[in-house]
Amino acid sequence: MKAQLLQLLLLTQSQKRRYAARALIPRG
């Protein structure tokens, strides 16, 4: 269980910028 949480945290930290960018940029 903890491993999954750690992985999620790492993914969020690394993909936060990309995810935010995608959220800001509308898909055309």
N, C-alpha and C. Protein backbone atom coordinates (compact mmCIF):
# COMPACT_ATOMS: atom_id res chain seq x y z
N MET A 1 0.84 -1.21 0.00
CA MET A 1 0.00 0.00 0.00
C MET A 1 0.87 1.25 0.00
N LYS A 2 1.83 1.30 0.89
CA LYS A 2 2.72 2.47 0.96
C LYS A 2 3.48 2.65 -0.34
N ALA A 3 3.91 1.53 -0.92
CA ALA A 3 4.67 1.61 -2.17
C ALA A 3 3.84 2.35 -3.23
N GLN A 4 2.55 2.01 -3.31
CA GLN A 4 1.68 2.65 -4.30
C GLN A 4 1.62 4.15 -4.03
N LEU A 5 1.48 4.53 -2.77
CA LEU A 5 1.41 5.95 -2.41
C LEU A 5 2.68 6.67 -2.81
N LEU A 6 3.82 6.04 -2.52
CA LEU A 6 5.11 6.66 -2.88
C LEU A 6 5.21 6.85 -4.38
N GLN A 7 4.81 5.81 -5.12
CA GLN A 7 4.87 5.89 -6.58
C GLN A 7 3.98 7.01 -7.08
N LEU A 8 2.78 7.12 -6.49
CA LEU A 8 1.84 8.17 -6.89
C LEU A 8 2.45 9.53 -6.63
N LEU A 9 3.07 9.69 -5.47
CA LEU A 9 3.68 10.98 -5.12
C LEU A 9 4.77 11.34 -6.12
N LEU A 10 5.63 10.36 -6.44
CA LEU A 10 6.72 10.60 -7.39
C LEU A 10 6.16 10.97 -8.75
N LEU A 11 5.13 10.24 -9.17
CA LEU A 11 4.53 10.52 -10.48
C LEU A 11 3.93 11.92 -10.49
N THR A 12 3.25 12.28 -9.41
CA THR A 12 2.63 13.61 -9.36
C THR A 12 3.70 14.68 -9.43
N GLN A 13 4.75 14.53 -8.65
CA GLN A 13 5.81 15.53 -8.62
C GLN A 13 6.44 15.70 -10.00
N SER A 14 6.63 14.59 -10.71
CA SER A 14 7.30 14.64 -12.02
C SER A 14 6.33 15.05 -13.12
N GLN A 15 5.08 14.59 -13.00
CA GLN A 15 4.10 14.86 -14.06
C GLN A 15 3.23 16.07 -13.75
N LYS A 16 3.41 16.65 -12.56
CA LYS A 16 2.60 17.81 -12.20
C LYS A 16 2.70 18.89 -13.26
N ARG A 17 3.94 19.24 -13.65
CA ARG A 17 4.13 20.29 -14.64
C ARG A 17 3.48 19.91 -15.97
N ARG A 18 3.74 18.69 -16.43
CA ARG A 18 3.18 18.25 -17.71
C ARG A 18 1.66 18.21 -17.63
N TYR A 19 1.15 17.65 -16.52
CA TYR A 19 -0.30 17.54 -16.36
C TYR A 19 -0.94 18.92 -16.35
N ALA A 20 -0.33 19.84 -15.60
CA ALA A 20 -0.84 21.21 -15.51
C ALA A 20 -0.81 21.85 -16.89
N ALA A 21 0.29 21.65 -17.61
CA ALA A 21 0.42 22.23 -18.95
C ALA A 21 -0.71 21.71 -19.84
N ARG A 22 -0.96 20.40 -19.78
CA ARG A 22 -2.02 19.82 -20.61
C ARG A 22 -3.37 20.40 -20.21
N ALA A 23 -3.57 20.60 -18.91
CA ALA A 23 -4.83 21.15 -18.41
C ALA A 23 -5.02 22.57 -18.93
N LEU A 24 -3.91 23.33 -18.94
CA LEU A 24 -3.99 24.72 -19.40
C LEU A 24 -4.18 24.79 -20.91
N ILE A 25 -3.46 23.90 -21.62
CA ILE A 25 -3.54 23.91 -23.08
C ILE A 25 -4.72 23.05 -23.54
N PRO A 26 -5.71 23.65 -24.19
CA PRO A 26 -6.88 22.91 -24.68
C PRO A 26 -6.50 21.98 -25.83
N ARG A 27 -7.12 20.81 -25.86
CA ARG A 27 -6.82 19.85 -26.92
C ARG A 27 -7.55 20.24 -28.20
N GLY A 28 -6.83 20.39 -29.31
CA GLY A 28 -7.43 20.79 -30.58
C GLY A 28 -7.44 19.63 -31.55
